[in-house]
Structure formats: structure tokens, C-alpha cells
Amino acid sequence: MRIRHFKCLSSELKNALIELWEQSVRASHHFLTEEDISKIKQYLNGDEAFIRIEFLFIYENNEFVGFLGFYQTSIQMLFIHPNFFRKNYGTSLVNFAITHFELDKVEVNLDNEKALKFYEKLGFQIYDRYVDEFGFVLLKMKR
């Protein structure tokens, strides 16, 4: 397992990230409609989505397994390819991010119960909530 840090993404890395994101979302975010996925994917393909976000990519035998995006001390996104679900890659990314980048916050979609339990298990607790630009309720969590 290898983790690489990127302060910005080449178009090749961005395309790989969006492809992995979609595969992960389709396998795990059953609360999203096709319209939701399309809107979010369109946003991700735009110029604004990754302006200040840094990324940690995780690889196994040179295969792109997943990624964590963060801004300042907050995890913005964490997605793992479905072939690697429940094999501790997400935990490895979060622990690496906490240790090396002092991340202590995350936002989780209210409807994403598995993600909520995952972050609670890692010591995060809910402290606030808000509605995002797509109309979803997000829970703010911190360690």
C-alpha cells in the first residue's frame, strides 16, 4: 500500500478520480438519484470543484484504490473503489491524514449511514449540520 499527496491534479489524475468517484458512489450511495449523480459529476468536471482541495491517493500494487480530499483541517471527500470496500483503505487514508496533516473535521451526508458510523468509529462526533448547494443535509463532525 502506498499513499501519495497531491496539491493539485493533472487532468489525467482528475479524470481517474472522477471515474473512481462514480464507481464508488454507484456502489454505496443508494440514496442518490441518477439526476443527483449527474449534477454532482458535472460539478466535479468543472473548474471550481478542486480549487483549494489537496488529495491523498492510495495505491495497492500500483492500482488506484481510492482517495481522500481535504481543505485546511477538514476532510472534504473520501471514496474507495468498490473492489476494495471493507479492506481498511479508507481507515488507512483517514489515519494518514490525521497523523500527517492534522485533519480533525469531516462533513457527512445525513443519508450516508455507513459513512457516519465509519467516522464515529474513528472518533469523530457530530457538532452541527447544514444544507449544501445540492439540497443535501450534511453533518459536521470533529474529533
Protein backbone atom coordinates (compact mmCIF):
# COMPACT_ATOMS: atom_id res chain seq x y z
CA MET A 1 0.00 0.00 0.00
CA ARG A 2 1.29 3.45 -0.94
CA ILE A 3 -0.21 6.89 -0.27
CA ARG A 4 0.70 9.91 -2.42
CA HIS A 5 -0.07 13.57 -1.68
CA PHE A 6 -1.13 15.95 -4.48
CA LYS A 7 -1.62 19.70 -4.02
CA CYS A 8 -3.18 19.91 -7.48
CA LEU A 9 -4.35 17.36 -10.01
CA SER A 10 -3.37 16.90 -13.62
CA SER A 11 -6.28 16.35 -16.00
CA GLU A 12 -5.32 12.64 -16.10
CA LEU A 13 -5.49 12.34 -12.28
CA LYS A 14 -8.73 14.34 -12.16
CA ASN A 15 -10.33 12.02 -14.73
CA ALA A 16 -9.20 8.93 -12.79
CA LEU A 17 -10.58 10.47 -9.58
CA ILE A 18 -13.98 11.22 -11.15
CA GLU A 19 -14.20 7.73 -12.63
CA LEU A 20 -13.40 6.12 -9.26
CA TRP A 21 -15.81 8.53 -7.52
CA GLU A 22 -18.67 7.47 -9.78
CA GLN A 23 -17.99 3.75 -9.33
CA SER A 24 -17.82 4.19 -5.56
CA VAL A 25 -20.98 6.31 -5.41
CA ARG A 26 -22.99 3.89 -7.55
CA ALA A 27 -21.97 1.02 -5.25
CA SER A 28 -22.56 2.80 -1.94
CA HIS A 29 -24.72 5.94 -2.19
CA HIS A 30 -28.10 4.33 -2.84
CA PHE A 31 -29.87 7.48 -1.64
CA LEU A 32 -28.67 9.39 -4.74
CA THR A 33 -30.79 9.51 -7.88
CA GLU A 34 -29.36 9.39 -11.41
CA GLU A 35 -30.11 13.11 -11.61
CA ASP A 36 -28.15 13.73 -8.38
CA ILE A 37 -25.15 11.76 -9.68
CA SER A 38 -25.27 13.61 -13.00
CA LYS A 39 -25.39 17.04 -11.30
CA ILE A 40 -22.53 16.23 -8.95
CA LYS A 41 -20.44 14.73 -11.75
CA GLN A 42 -21.00 17.84 -13.85
CA TYR A 43 -19.81 19.94 -10.91
CA LEU A 44 -16.73 17.73 -10.42
CA ASN A 45 -15.84 18.12 -14.10
CA GLY A 46 -15.99 21.91 -13.78
CA ASP A 47 -13.17 24.27 -12.89
CA GLU A 48 -14.37 25.14 -9.36
CA ALA A 49 -14.59 21.71 -7.71
CA PHE A 50 -10.97 21.22 -6.73
CA ILE A 51 -9.56 24.76 -6.46
CA ARG A 52 -8.17 24.60 -2.92
CA ILE A 53 -8.50 20.88 -2.25
CA GLU A 54 -5.45 18.71 -1.65
CA PHE A 55 -5.59 14.98 -2.23
CA LEU A 56 -4.22 11.76 -0.85
CA PHE A 57 -4.37 8.90 -3.36
CA ILE A 58 -3.95 5.34 -2.13
CA TYR A 59 -2.50 2.60 -4.32
CA GLU A 60 -2.11 -1.14 -3.99
CA ASN A 61 0.42 -2.71 -6.37
CA ASN A 62 0.27 0.49 -8.49
CA GLU A 63 -3.53 0.20 -8.79
CA PHE A 64 -5.51 3.34 -7.84
CA VAL A 65 -7.67 2.19 -4.92
CA GLY A 66 -9.15 5.40 -3.52
CA PHE A 67 -8.69 8.99 -2.48
CA LEU A 68 -9.25 11.49 0.29
CA GLY A 69 -9.67 15.19 -0.48
CA PHE A 70 -9.09 17.82 2.18
CA TYR A 71 -9.02 21.56 2.72
CA GLN A 72 -7.18 23.04 5.70
CA THR A 73 -8.09 20.68 8.59
CA SER A 74 -11.28 19.24 7.08
CA ILE A 75 -11.83 16.06 5.08
CA GLN A 76 -13.97 17.03 2.10
CA MET A 77 -14.33 13.65 0.41
CA LEU A 78 -13.29 10.03 0.81
CA PHE A 79 -14.02 7.41 -1.85
CA ILE A 80 -12.73 3.88 -2.31
CA HIS A 81 -13.18 1.73 -5.43
CA PRO A 82 -15.89 -0.90 -4.77
CA ASN A 83 -13.43 -3.77 -5.35
CA PHE A 84 -11.57 -2.54 -2.26
CA PHE A 85 -14.50 -1.82 0.09
CA ARG A 86 -14.13 -3.06 3.68
CA LYS A 87 -10.39 -3.73 3.37
CA ASN A 88 -9.26 -0.81 5.60
CA TYR A 89 -8.12 1.51 2.78
CA GLY A 90 -10.48 4.25 3.97
CA THR A 91 -9.27 3.87 7.55
CA SER A 92 -5.66 3.97 6.34
CA LEU A 93 -6.29 7.19 4.42
CA VAL A 94 -8.06 8.90 7.31
CA ASN A 95 -5.41 7.85 9.83
CA PHE A 96 -2.63 9.03 7.49
CA ALA A 97 -4.44 12.36 7.01
CA ILE A 98 -4.92 12.83 10.76
CA THR A 99 -1.29 11.99 11.52
CA HIS A 100 0.44 13.88 8.70
CA PHE A 101 -1.96 16.77 8.05
CA GLU A 102 -3.69 17.16 11.44
CA LEU A 103 -7.16 16.81 9.96
CA ASP A 104 -9.85 16.84 12.62
CA LYS A 105 -13.12 17.62 10.81
CA VAL A 106 -15.33 15.97 8.22
CA GLU A 107 -18.75 16.51 6.69
CA VAL A 108 -21.01 13.52 6.06
CA ASN A 109 -24.29 13.31 4.17
CA LEU A 110 -27.10 12.65 6.67
CA ASP A 111 -28.37 9.82 4.45
CA ASN A 112 -24.97 8.09 4.34
CA GLU A 113 -25.35 5.96 7.47
CA LYS A 114 -22.30 3.78 6.73
CA ALA A 115 -20.05 6.84 6.44
CA LEU A 116 -21.47 8.27 9.66
CA LYS A 117 -20.73 5.03 11.54
CA PHE A 118 -17.27 4.82 9.92
CA TYR A 119 -16.28 8.30 11.15
CA GLU A 120 -17.81 7.77 14.59
CA LYS A 121 -15.70 4.62 14.92
CA LEU A 122 -12.64 6.78 14.16
CA GLY A 123 -13.52 9.21 16.97
CA PHE A 124 -15.49 11.90 15.11
CA GLN A 125 -18.64 13.37 16.70
CA ILE A 126 -21.45 15.45 15.20
CA TYR A 127 -21.42 19.12 16.19
CA ASP A 128 -23.51 20.87 13.51
CA ARG A 129 -25.48 20.42 10.26
CA TYR A 130 -26.36 22.41 7.15
CA VAL A 131 -27.90 22.04 3.68
CA ASP A 132 -25.41 22.06 0.79
CA GLU A 133 -25.77 23.53 -2.72
CA PHE A 134 -27.30 20.25 -3.97
CA GLY A 135 -30.01 20.27 -1.26
CA PHE A 136 -28.50 17.54 0.92
CA VAL A 137 -28.25 17.77 4.71
CA LEU A 138 -24.60 17.44 5.76
CA LEU A 139 -23.47 16.65 9.28
CA LYS A 140 -20.35 18.43 10.52
CA MET A 141 -18.17 16.19 12.64
CA LYS A 142 -14.93 16.73 14.55
CA ARG A 143 -12.51 14.73 16.64
